[in-house]
Amino acid sequence: RLFWDAKNKYNEKASSGVYIYCIEAISGNDRAKEWSKLS
């Protein structure tokens, strides 16, 4: 599990709304990526 405190890179709270995220895993020469959304 990867924790997100609902803040942006400036440590400000993210606004209400829908966001999309891309999560990528890299192991040696192997890569995998998936997309999803959150509110």
PDB file of all heavy atoms in Angstrom:
ATOM      1  N   ARG A   1       0.848  -1.183   0.000  1.00  0.00           N
ATOM      2  CA  ARG A   1       0.000   0.000   0.000  1.00  0.00           C
ATOM      3  C   ARG A   1       0.888   1.238   0.000  1.00  0.00           C
ATOM      4  O   ARG A   1       1.909   1.288   0.686  1.00  0.00           O
ATOM      5  CB  ARG A   1      -0.990   0.001   1.157  1.00  0.00           C
ATOM      6  CG  ARG A   1      -0.390   0.041   2.529  1.00  0.00           C
ATOM      7  CD  ARG A   1      -1.467  -0.110   3.580  1.00  0.00           C
ATOM      8  NE  ARG A   1      -0.905   0.166   4.898  1.00  0.00           N
ATOM      9  CZ  ARG A   1      -1.605   0.272   5.982  1.00  0.00           C
ATOM     10  NH1 ARG A   1      -2.913   0.124   5.939  1.00  0.00           N
ATOM     11  NH2 ARG A   1      -1.041   0.539   7.134  1.00  0.00           N
ATOM     12  N   LEU A   2       0.473   2.215  -0.781  1.00  0.00           N
ATOM     13  CA  LEU A   2       1.185   3.475  -0.930  1.00  0.00           C
ATOM     14  C   LEU A   2       0.302   4.570  -0.354  1.00  0.00           C
ATOM     15  O   LEU A   2      -0.842   4.717  -0.771  1.00  0.00           O
ATOM     16  CB  LEU A   2       1.480   3.723  -2.416  1.00  0.00           C
ATOM     17  CG  LEU A   2       2.190   5.006  -2.803  1.00  0.00           C
ATOM     18  CD1 LEU A   2       3.579   5.080  -2.175  1.00  0.00           C
ATOM     19  CD2 LEU A   2       2.300   5.098  -4.316  1.00  0.00           C
ATOM     20  N   PHE A   3       0.825   5.320   0.599  1.00  0.00           N
ATOM     21  CA  PHE A   3       0.059   6.336   1.314  1.00  0.00           C
ATOM     22  C   PHE A   3       0.098   7.672   0.579  1.00  0.00           C
ATOM     23  O   PHE A   3       1.149   8.083   0.100  1.00  0.00           O
ATOM     24  CB  PHE A   3       0.649   6.512   2.724  1.00  0.00           C
ATOM     25  CG  PHE A   3       0.014   7.602   3.528  1.00  0.00           C
ATOM     26  CD1 PHE A   3      -1.223   7.419   4.109  1.00  0.00           C
ATOM     27  CD2 PHE A   3       0.664   8.824   3.704  1.00  0.00           C
ATOM     28  CE1 PHE A   3      -1.807   8.431   4.866  1.00  0.00           C
ATOM     29  CE2 PHE A   3       0.088   9.834   4.454  1.00  0.00           C
ATOM     30  CZ  PHE A   3      -1.154   9.634   5.032  1.00  0.00           C
ATOM     31  N   TRP A   4      -1.056   8.329   0.471  1.00  0.00           N
ATOM     32  CA  TRP A   4      -1.123   9.711  -0.022  1.00  0.00           C
ATOM     33  C   TRP A   4      -1.930  10.525   0.979  1.00  0.00           C
ATOM     34  O   TRP A   4      -3.053  10.163   1.328  1.00  0.00           O
ATOM     35  CB  TRP A   4      -1.752   9.798  -1.410  1.00  0.00           C
ATOM     36  CG  TRP A   4      -1.811  11.205  -1.944  1.00  0.00           C
ATOM     37  CD1 TRP A   4      -0.820  12.133  -1.896  1.00  0.00           C
ATOM     38  CD2 TRP A   4      -2.914  11.831  -2.595  1.00  0.00           C
ATOM     39  NE1 TRP A   4      -1.230  13.302  -2.487  1.00  0.00           N
ATOM     40  CE2 TRP A   4      -2.518  13.145  -2.926  1.00  0.00           C
ATOM     41  CE3 TRP A   4      -4.204  11.423  -2.930  1.00  0.00           C
ATOM     42  CZ2 TRP A   4      -3.357  14.048  -3.576  1.00  0.00           C
ATOM     43  CZ3 TRP A   4      -5.037  12.322  -3.585  1.00  0.00           C
ATOM     44  CH2 TRP A   4      -4.610  13.605  -3.904  1.00  0.00           C
ATOM     45  N   ASP A   5      -1.345  11.647   1.423  1.00  0.00           N
ATOM     46  CA  ASP A   5      -1.989  12.494   2.430  1.00  0.00           C
ATOM     47  C   ASP A   5      -2.907  13.550   1.823  1.00  0.00           C
ATOM     48  O   ASP A   5      -3.309  14.495   2.502  1.00  0.00           O
ATOM     49  CB  ASP A   5      -0.938  13.161   3.324  1.00  0.00           C
ATOM     50  CG  ASP A   5       0.004  14.075   2.560  1.00  0.00           C
ATOM     51  OD1 ASP A   5      -0.175  14.279   1.337  1.00  0.00           O
ATOM     52  OD2 ASP A   5       0.952  14.594   3.181  1.00  0.00           O
ATOM     53  N   ALA A   6      -3.263  13.403   0.561  1.00  0.00           N
ATOM     54  CA  ALA A   6      -4.178  14.305  -0.157  1.00  0.00           C
ATOM     55  C   ALA A   6      -3.629  15.727  -0.238  1.00  0.00           C
ATOM     56  O   ALA A   6      -4.382  16.695  -0.223  1.00  0.00           O
ATOM     57  CB  ALA A   6      -5.579  14.273   0.448  1.00  0.00           C
ATOM     58  N   LYS A   7      -2.293  15.832  -0.318  1.00  0.00           N
ATOM     59  CA  LYS A   7      -1.650  17.134  -0.484  1.00  0.00           C
ATOM     60  C   LYS A   7      -0.848  17.133  -1.776  1.00  0.00           C
ATOM     61  O   LYS A   7      -0.410  16.083  -2.248  1.00  0.00           O
ATOM     62  CB  LYS A   7      -0.738  17.451   0.699  1.00  0.00           C
ATOM     63  CG  LYS A   7      -1.509  17.655   1.990  1.00  0.00           C
ATOM     64  CD  LYS A   7      -0.578  17.994   3.133  1.00  0.00           C
ATOM     65  CE  LYS A   7      -1.372  18.179   4.419  1.00  0.00           C
ATOM     66  NZ  LYS A   7      -0.474  18.417   5.564  1.00  0.00           N
ATOM     67  N   ASN A   8      -0.631  18.331  -2.314  1.00  0.00           N
ATOM     68  CA  ASN A   8       0.154  18.448  -3.539  1.00  0.00           C
ATOM     69  C   ASN A   8       1.636  18.596  -3.214  1.00  0.00           C
ATOM     70  O   ASN A   8       2.038  18.546  -2.047  1.00  0.00           O
ATOM     71  CB  ASN A   8      -0.367  19.600  -4.415  1.00  0.00           C
ATOM     72  CG  ASN A   8      -0.191  20.970  -3.776  1.00  0.00           C
ATOM     73  OD1 ASN A   8       0.623  21.173  -2.864  1.00  0.00           O
ATOM     74  ND2 ASN A   8      -0.954  21.935  -4.261  1.00  0.00           N
ATOM     75  N   LYS A   9       2.455  18.806  -4.249  1.00  0.00           N
ATOM     76  CA  LYS A   9       3.904  18.900  -4.047  1.00  0.00           C
ATOM     77  C   LYS A   9       4.320  20.138  -3.267  1.00  0.00           C
ATOM     78  O   LYS A   9       5.445  20.236  -2.808  1.00  0.00           O
ATOM     79  CB  LYS A   9       4.639  18.830  -5.390  1.00  0.00           C
ATOM     80  CG  LYS A   9       4.229  19.865  -6.392  1.00  0.00           C
ATOM     81  CD  LYS A   9       4.858  19.556  -7.752  1.00  0.00           C
ATOM     82  CE  LYS A   9       4.176  20.349  -8.843  1.00  0.00           C
ATOM     83  NZ  LYS A   9       4.557  19.868 -10.171  1.00  0.00           N
ATOM     84  N   TYR A  10       3.390  21.084  -3.074  1.00  0.00           N
ATOM     85  CA  TYR A  10       3.669  22.280  -2.266  1.00  0.00           C
ATOM     86  C   TYR A  10       3.135  22.129  -0.836  1.00  0.00           C
ATOM     87  O   TYR A  10       3.072  23.092  -0.090  1.00  0.00           O
ATOM     88  CB  TYR A  10       3.062  23.522  -2.925  1.00  0.00           C
ATOM     89  CG  TYR A  10       3.525  23.691  -4.346  1.00  0.00           C
ATOM     90  CD1 TYR A  10       2.654  23.475  -5.407  1.00  0.00           C
ATOM     91  CD2 TYR A  10       4.847  24.028  -4.631  1.00  0.00           C
ATOM     92  CE1 TYR A  10       3.079  23.612  -6.725  1.00  0.00           C
ATOM     93  CE2 TYR A  10       5.281  24.162  -5.944  1.00  0.00           C
ATOM     94  CZ  TYR A  10       4.395  23.958  -6.975  1.00  0.00           C
ATOM     95  OH  TYR A  10       4.831  24.082  -8.275  1.00  0.00           O
ATOM     96  N   ASN A  11       2.718  20.908  -0.488  1.00  0.00           N
ATOM     97  CA  ASN A  11       2.173  20.573   0.828  1.00  0.00           C
ATOM     98  C   ASN A  11       0.845  21.278   1.107  1.00  0.00           C
ATOM     99  O   ASN A  11       0.486  21.522   2.246  1.00  0.00           O
ATOM    100  CB  ASN A  11       3.190  20.856   1.942  1.00  0.00           C
ATOM    101  CG  ASN A  11       2.931  20.007   3.175  1.00  0.00           C
ATOM    102  OD1 ASN A  11       2.492  18.865   3.062  1.00  0.00           O
ATOM    103  ND2 ASN A  11       3.177  20.558   4.339  1.00  0.00           N
ATOM    104  N   GLU A  12       0.106  21.608   0.044  1.00  0.00           N
ATOM    105  CA  GLU A  12      -1.224  22.206   0.168  1.00  0.00           C
ATOM    106  C   GLU A  12      -2.264  21.116  -0.058  1.00  0.00           C
ATOM    107  O   GLU A  12      -2.051  20.203  -0.861  1.00  0.00           O
ATOM    108  CB  GLU A  12      -1.412  23.302  -0.894  1.00  0.00           C
ATOM    109  CG  GLU A  12      -0.395  24.409  -0.814  1.00  0.00           C
ATOM    110  CD  GLU A  12      -0.356  25.273  -2.064  1.00  0.00           C
ATOM    111  OE1 GLU A  12      -0.747  24.803  -3.159  1.00  0.00           O
ATOM    112  OE2 GLU A  12       0.102  26.410  -1.959  1.00  0.00           O
ATOM    113  N   LYS A  13      -3.400  21.227   0.647  1.00  0.00           N
ATOM    114  CA  LYS A  13      -4.460  20.243   0.484  1.00  0.00           C
ATOM    115  C   LYS A  13      -4.995  20.259  -0.942  1.00  0.00           C
ATOM    116  O   LYS A  13      -5.235  21.332  -1.505  1.00  0.00           O
ATOM    117  CB  LYS A  13      -5.609  20.541   1.450  1.00  0.00           C
ATOM    118  CG  LYS A  13      -5.286  20.256   2.896  1.00  0.00           C
ATOM    119  CD  LYS A  13      -6.492  20.522   3.767  1.00  0.00           C
ATOM    120  CE  LYS A  13      -6.205  20.187   5.210  1.00  0.00           C
ATOM    121  NZ  LYS A  13      -7.380  20.407   6.069  1.00  0.00           N
ATOM    122  N   ALA A  14      -5.169  19.077  -1.502  1.00  0.00           N
ATOM    123  CA  ALA A  14      -5.770  18.969  -2.834  1.00  0.00           C
ATOM    124  C   ALA A  14      -7.230  19.393  -2.749  1.00  0.00           C
ATOM    125  O   ALA A  14      -7.923  19.095  -1.776  1.00  0.00           O
ATOM    126  CB  ALA A  14      -5.662  17.536  -3.338  1.00  0.00           C
ATOM    127  N   SER A  15      -7.686  20.092  -3.763  1.00  0.00           N
ATOM    128  CA  SER A  15      -9.073  20.550  -3.814  1.00  0.00           C
ATOM    129  C   SER A  15     -10.023  19.386  -4.021  1.00  0.00           C
ATOM    130  O   SER A  15      -9.625  18.337  -4.533  1.00  0.00           O
ATOM    131  CB  SER A  15      -9.257  21.531  -4.975  1.00  0.00           C
ATOM    132  OG  SER A  15      -8.396  22.623  -4.843  1.00  0.00           O
ATOM    133  N   SER A  16     -11.277  19.588  -3.653  1.00  0.00           N
ATOM    134  CA  SER A  16     -12.297  18.590  -3.958  1.00  0.00           C
ATOM    135  C   SER A  16     -12.362  18.382  -5.463  1.00  0.00           C
ATOM    136  O   SER A  16     -12.224  19.338  -6.233  1.00  0.00           O
ATOM    137  CB  SER A  16     -13.666  19.056  -3.461  1.00  0.00           C
ATOM    138  OG  SER A  16     -13.706  19.076  -2.066  1.00  0.00           O
ATOM    139  N   GLY A  17     -12.560  17.144  -5.872  1.00  0.00           N
ATOM    140  CA  GLY A  17     -12.682  16.853  -7.287  1.00  0.00           C
ATOM    141  C   GLY A  17     -12.203  15.460  -7.622  1.00  0.00           C
ATOM    142  O   GLY A  17     -11.818  14.687  -6.751  1.00  0.00           O
ATOM    143  N   VAL A  18     -12.222  15.159  -8.910  1.00  0.00           N
ATOM    144  CA  VAL A  18     -11.788  13.866  -9.415  1.00  0.00           C
ATOM    145  C   VAL A  18     -10.354  14.007  -9.924  1.00  0.00           C
ATOM    146  O   VAL A  18     -10.019  14.987 -10.593  1.00  0.00           O
ATOM    147  CB  VAL A  18     -12.721  13.364 -10.538  1.00  0.00           C
ATOM    148  CG1 VAL A  18     -12.212  12.050 -11.133  1.00  0.00           C
ATOM    149  CG2 VAL A  18     -14.140  13.200 -10.013  1.00  0.00           C
ATOM    150  N   TYR A  19      -9.533  13.031  -9.600  1.00  0.00           N
ATOM    151  CA  TYR A  19      -8.134  12.997 -10.020  1.00  0.00           C
ATOM    152  C   TYR A  19      -7.877  11.666 -10.710  1.00  0.00           C
ATOM    153  O   TYR A  19      -8.547  10.675 -10.417  1.00  0.00           O
ATOM    154  CB  TYR A  19      -7.203  13.129  -8.811  1.00  0.00           C
ATOM    155  CG  TYR A  19      -7.305  14.477  -8.148  1.00  0.00           C
ATOM    156  CD1 TYR A  19      -8.307  14.741  -7.211  1.00  0.00           C
ATOM    157  CD2 TYR A  19      -6.410  15.492  -8.460  1.00  0.00           C
ATOM    158  CE1 TYR A  19      -8.409  15.987  -6.611  1.00  0.00           C
ATOM    159  CE2 TYR A  19      -6.505  16.740  -7.855  1.00  0.00           C
ATOM    160  CZ  TYR A  19      -7.513  16.979  -6.939  1.00  0.00           C
ATOM    161  OH  TYR A  19      -7.612  18.214  -6.355  1.00  0.00           O
ATOM    162  N   ILE A  20      -6.897  11.660 -11.593  1.00  0.00           N
ATOM    163  CA  ILE A  20      -6.458  10.404 -12.188  1.00  0.00           C
ATOM    164  C   ILE A  20      -5.038  10.132 -11.692  1.00  0.00           C
ATOM    165  O   ILE A  20      -4.313  11.066 -11.356  1.00  0.00           O
ATOM    166  CB  ILE A  20      -6.520  10.419 -13.731  1.00  0.00           C
ATOM    167  CG1 ILE A  20      -5.728  11.582 -14.308  1.00  0.00           C
ATOM    168  CG2 ILE A  20      -7.957  10.425 -14.215  1.00  0.00           C
ATOM    169  CD1 ILE A  20      -5.644  11.584 -15.818  1.00  0.00           C
ATOM    170  N   TYR A  21      -4.697   8.868 -11.607  1.00  0.00           N
ATOM    171  CA  TYR A  21      -3.330   8.547 -11.200  1.00  0.00           C
ATOM    172  C   TYR A  21      -2.793   7.390 -12.026  1.00  0.00           C
ATOM    173  O   TYR A  21      -3.524   6.534 -12.503  1.00  0.00           O
ATOM    174  CB  TYR A  21      -3.212   8.273  -9.703  1.00  0.00           C
ATOM    175  CG  TYR A  21      -3.953   7.083  -9.159  1.00  0.00           C
ATOM    176  CD1 TYR A  21      -3.321   5.856  -9.023  1.00  0.00           C
ATOM    177  CD2 TYR A  21      -5.269   7.194  -8.726  1.00  0.00           C
ATOM    178  CE1 TYR A  21      -3.985   4.766  -8.481  1.00  0.00           C
ATOM    179  CE2 TYR A  21      -5.937   6.111  -8.192  1.00  0.00           C
ATOM    180  CZ  TYR A  21      -5.299   4.902  -8.078  1.00  0.00           C
ATOM    181  OH  TYR A  21      -5.958   3.818  -7.553  1.00  0.00           O
ATOM    182  N   CYS A  22      -1.481   7.456 -12.201  1.00  0.00           N
ATOM    183  CA  CYS A  22      -0.740   6.415 -12.900  1.00  0.00           C
ATOM    184  C   CYS A  22       0.244   5.833 -11.894  1.00  0.00           C
ATOM    185  O   CYS A  22       0.985   6.575 -11.253  1.00  0.00           O
ATOM    186  CB  CYS A  22       0.007   7.016 -14.088  1.00  0.00           C
ATOM    187  SG  CYS A  22       1.039   5.819 -14.941  1.00  0.00           S
ATOM    188  N   ILE A  23       0.220   4.526 -11.751  1.00  0.00           N
ATOM    189  CA  ILE A  23       1.170   3.874 -10.849  1.00  0.00           C
ATOM    190  C   ILE A  23       2.004   2.913 -11.692  1.00  0.00           C
ATOM    191  O   ILE A  23       1.473   2.166 -12.513  1.00  0.00           O
ATOM    192  CB  ILE A  23       0.454   3.184  -9.658  1.00  0.00           C
ATOM    193  CG1 ILE A  23       1.472   2.576  -8.702  1.00  0.00           C
ATOM    194  CG2 ILE A  23      -0.591   2.211 -10.107  1.00  0.00           C
ATOM    195  CD1 ILE A  23       0.904   2.170  -7.351  1.00  0.00           C
ATOM    196  N   GLU A  24       3.325   3.014 -11.520  1.00  0.00           N
ATOM    197  CA  GLU A  24       4.260   2.236 -12.324  1.00  0.00           C
ATOM    198  C   GLU A  24       5.202   1.474 -11.403  1.00  0.00           C
ATOM    199  O   GLU A  24       5.667   2.015 -10.406  1.00  0.00           O
ATOM    200  CB  GLU A  24       5.063   3.169 -13.232  1.00  0.00           C
ATOM    201  CG  GLU A  24       6.050   2.458 -14.119  1.00  0.00           C
ATOM    202  CD  GLU A  24       6.798   3.418 -15.042  1.00  0.00           C
ATOM    203  OE1 GLU A  24       6.980   4.594 -14.685  1.00  0.00           O
ATOM    204  OE2 GLU A  24       7.198   2.960 -16.111  1.00  0.00           O
ATOM    205  N   ALA A  25       5.476   0.234 -11.766  1.00  0.00           N
ATOM    206  CA  ALA A  25       6.412  -0.603 -11.018  1.00  0.00           C
ATOM    207  C   ALA A  25       7.562  -0.990 -11.941  1.00  0.00           C
ATOM    208  O   ALA A  25       7.332  -1.378 -13.089  1.00  0.00           O
ATOM    209  CB  ALA A  25       5.711  -1.854 -10.497  1.00  0.00           C
ATOM    210  N   ILE A  26       8.797  -0.857 -11.431  1.00  0.00           N
ATOM    211  CA  ILE A  26       9.986  -1.161 -12.213  1.00  0.00           C
ATOM    212  C   ILE A  26      10.836  -2.154 -11.427  1.00  0.00           C
ATOM    213  O   ILE A  26      11.219  -1.892 -10.282  1.00  0.00           O
ATOM    214  CB  ILE A  26      10.792   0.117 -12.496  1.00  0.00           C
ATOM    215  CG1 ILE A  26       9.916   1.153 -13.205  1.00  0.00           C
ATOM    216  CG2 ILE A  26      12.041  -0.208 -13.315  1.00  0.00           C
ATOM    217  CD1 ILE A  26      10.452   2.554 -13.154  1.00  0.00           C
ATOM    218  N   SER A  27      11.109  -3.299 -12.043  1.00  0.00           N
ATOM    219  CA  SER A  27      11.918  -4.340 -11.417  1.00  0.00           C
ATOM    220  C   SER A  27      12.907  -4.847 -12.462  1.00  0.00           C
ATOM    221  O   SER A  27      12.517  -5.552 -13.402  1.00  0.00           O
ATOM    222  CB  SER A  27      11.028  -5.476 -10.916  1.00  0.00           C
ATOM    223  OG  SER A  27      11.811  -6.499 -10.332  1.00  0.00           O
ATOM    224  N   GLY A  28      14.173  -4.438 -12.323  1.00  0.00           N
ATOM    225  CA  GLY A  28      15.165  -4.807 -13.329  1.00  0.00           C
ATOM    226  C   GLY A  28      14.785  -4.200 -14.666  1.00  0.00           C
ATOM    227  O   GLY A  28      14.542  -3.006 -14.775  1.00  0.00           O
ATOM    228  N   ASN A  29      14.678  -5.039 -15.696  1.00  0.00           N
ATOM    229  CA  ASN A  29      14.282  -4.577 -17.027  1.00  0.00           C
ATOM    230  C   ASN A  29      12.775  -4.620 -17.244  1.00  0.00           C
ATOM    231  O   ASN A  29      12.300  -4.287 -18.323  1.00  0.00           O
ATOM    232  CB  ASN A  29      14.970  -5.417 -18.114  1.00  0.00           C
ATOM    233  CG  ASN A  29      16.461  -5.180 -18.147  1.00  0.00           C
ATOM    234  OD1 ASN A  29      16.929  -4.078 -17.896  1.00  0.00           O
ATOM    235  ND2 ASN A  29      17.224  -6.227 -18.442  1.00  0.00           N
ATOM    236  N   ASP A  30      12.026  -5.056 -16.241  1.00  0.00           N
ATOM    237  CA  ASP A  30      10.569  -5.176 -16.366  1.00  0.00           C
ATOM    238  C   ASP A  30       9.873  -3.930 -15.830  1.00  0.00           C
ATOM    239  O   ASP A  30      10.253  -3.397 -14.784  1.00  0.00           O
ATOM    240  CB  ASP A  30      10.066  -6.400 -15.596  1.00  0.00           C
ATOM    241  CG  ASP A  30      10.573  -7.704 -16.188  1.00  0.00           C
ATOM    242  OD1 ASP A  30      10.609  -7.814 -17.427  1.00  0.00           O
ATOM    243  OD2 ASP A  30      10.942  -8.596 -15.412  1.00  0.00           O
ATOM    244  N   ARG A  31       8.850  -3.498 -16.574  1.00  0.00           N
ATOM    245  CA  ARG A  31       8.040  -2.350 -16.162  1.00  0.00           C
ATOM    246  C   ARG A  31       6.569  -2.691 -16.374  1.00  0.00           C
ATOM    247  O   ARG A  31       6.225  -3.368 -17.336  1.00  0.00           O
ATOM    248  CB  ARG A  31       8.316  -1.122 -17.041  1.00  0.00           C
ATOM    249  CG  ARG A  31       9.633  -0.506 -16.847  1.00  0.00           C
ATOM    250  CD  ARG A  31       9.841   0.625 -17.853  1.00  0.00           C
ATOM    251  NE  ARG A  31      11.060   1.331 -17.503  1.00  0.00           N
ATOM    252  CZ  ARG A  31      11.089   2.521 -16.914  1.00  0.00           C
ATOM    253  NH1 ARG A  31       9.969   3.155 -16.653  1.00  0.00           N
ATOM    254  NH2 ARG A  31      12.227   3.080 -16.603  1.00  0.00           N
ATOM    255  N   ALA A  32       5.746  -2.176 -15.486  1.00  0.00           N
ATOM    256  CA  ALA A  32       4.303  -2.323 -15.643  1.00  0.00           C
ATOM    257  C   ALA A  32       3.661  -1.043 -15.139  1.00  0.00           C
ATOM    258  O   ALA A  32       4.151  -0.417 -14.198  1.00  0.00           O
ATOM    259  CB  ALA A  32       3.795  -3.527 -14.861  1.00  0.00           C
ATOM    260  N   LYS A  33       2.554  -0.654 -15.763  1.00  0.00           N
ATOM    261  CA  LYS A  33       1.906   0.615 -15.439  1.00  0.00           C
ATOM    262  C   LYS A  33       0.402   0.435 -15.524  1.00  0.00           C
ATOM    263  O   LYS A  33      -0.090  -0.259 -16.408  1.00  0.00           O
ATOM    264  CB  LYS A  33       2.360   1.658 -16.466  1.00  0.00           C
ATOM    265  CG  LYS A  33       1.870   3.041 -16.239  1.00  0.00           C
ATOM    266  CD  LYS A  33       2.249   3.982 -17.378  1.00  0.00           C
ATOM    267  CE  LYS A  33       3.724   4.207 -17.465  1.00  0.00           C
ATOM    268  NZ  LYS A  33       4.089   5.284 -18.417  1.00  0.00           N
ATOM    269  N   GLU A  34      -0.305   1.062 -14.583  1.00  0.00           N
ATOM    270  CA  GLU A  34      -1.764   1.052 -14.624  1.00  0.00           C
ATOM    271  C   GLU A  34      -2.281   2.433 -14.244  1.00  0.00           C
ATOM    272  O   GLU A  34      -1.611   3.184 -13.534  1.00  0.00           O
ATOM    273  CB  GLU A  34      -2.344  -0.009 -13.671  1.00  0.00           C
ATOM    274  CG  GLU A  34      -2.078  -1.427 -14.142  1.00  0.00           C
ATOM    275  CD  GLU A  34      -2.963  -2.442 -13.455  1.00  0.00           C
ATOM    276  OE1 GLU A  34      -4.153  -2.137 -13.221  1.00  0.00           O
ATOM    277  OE2 GLU A  34      -2.462  -3.532 -13.151  1.00  0.00           O
ATOM    278  N   TRP A  35      -3.481   2.739 -14.726  1.00  0.00           N
ATOM    279  CA  TRP A  35      -4.144   4.021 -14.459  1.00  0.00           C
ATOM    280  C   TRP A  35      -5.446   3.776 -13.714  1.00  0.00           C
ATOM    281  O   TRP A  35      -6.104   2.753 -13.908  1.00  0.00           O
ATOM    282  CB  TRP A  35      -4.482   4.729 -15.771  1.00  0.00           C
ATOM    283  CG  TRP A  35      -3.293   5.200 -16.541  1.00  0.00           C
ATOM    284  CD1 TRP A  35      -2.515   4.454 -17.390  1.00  0.00           C
ATOM    285  CD2 TRP A  35      -2.747   6.508 -16.534  1.00  0.00           C
ATOM    286  NE1 TRP A  35      -1.519   5.238 -17.909  1.00  0.00           N
ATOM    287  CE2 TRP A  35      -1.646   6.511 -17.414  1.00  0.00           C
ATOM    288  CE3 TRP A  35      -3.087   7.691 -15.885  1.00  0.00           C
ATOM    289  CZ2 TRP A  35      -0.871   7.634 -17.649  1.00  0.00           C
ATOM    290  CZ3 TRP A  35      -2.331   8.826 -16.121  1.00  0.00           C
ATOM    291  CH2 TRP A  35      -1.230   8.792 -16.985  1.00  0.00           C
ATOM    292  N   SER A  36      -5.819   4.755 -12.873  1.00  0.00           N
ATOM    293  CA  SER A  36      -7.116   4.694 -12.201  1.00  0.00           C
ATOM    294  C   SER A  36      -7.516   6.114 -11.809  1.00  0.00           C
ATOM    295  O   SER A  36      -6.828   7.074 -12.173  1.00  0.00           O
ATOM    296  CB  SER A  36      -7.050   3.785 -10.967  1.00  0.00           C
ATOM    297  OG  SER A  36      -8.346   3.518 -10.491  1.00  0.00           O
ATOM    298  N   LYS A  37      -8.606   6.230 -11.082  1.00  0.00           N
ATOM    299  CA  LYS A  37      -9.072   7.548 -10.660  1.00  0.00           C
ATOM    300  C   LYS A  37      -9.483   7.497  -9.199  1.00  0.00           C
ATOM    301  O   LYS A  37      -9.763   6.421  -8.646  1.00  0.00           O
ATOM    302  CB  LYS A  37     -10.216   8.038 -11.542  1.00  0.00           C
ATOM    303  CG  LYS A  37     -11.449   7.183 -11.477  1.00  0.00           C
ATOM    304  CD  LYS A  37     -12.475   7.652 -12.465  1.00  0.00           C
ATOM    305  CE  LYS A  37     -13.643   6.675 -12.427  1.00  0.00           C
ATOM    306  NZ  LYS A  37     -14.503   6.759 -13.546  1.00  0.00           N
ATOM    307  N   LEU A  38      -9.521   8.671  -8.590  1.00  0.00           N
ATOM    308  CA  LEU A  38      -9.971   8.790  -7.211  1.00  0.00           C
ATOM    309  C   LEU A  38     -10.664  10.134  -7.041  1.00  0.00           C
ATOM    310  O   LEU A  38     -10.524  11.024  -7.885  1.00  0.00           O
ATOM    311  CB  LEU A  38      -8.803   8.644  -6.232  1.00  0.00           C
ATOM    312  CG  LEU A  38      -7.591   9.543  -6.373  1.00  0.00           C
ATOM    313  CD1 LEU A  38      -7.805  10.886  -5.696  1.00  0.00           C
ATOM    314  CD2 LEU A  38      -6.383   8.863  -5.765  1.00  0.00           C
ATOM    315  N   SER A  39     -11.417  10.257  -5.971  1.00  0.00           N
ATOM    316  CA  SER A  39     -12.146  11.491  -5.693  1.00  0.00           C
ATOM    317  C   SER A  39     -11.774  12.036  -4.328  1.00  0.00           C
ATOM    318  O   SER A  39     -11.671  11.273  -3.373  1.00  0.00           O
ATOM    319  CB  SER A  39     -13.658  11.245  -5.712  1.00  0.00           C
ATOM    320  OG  SER A  39     -14.070  10.819  -6.983  1.00  0.00           O
TER     321      SER A  39
END
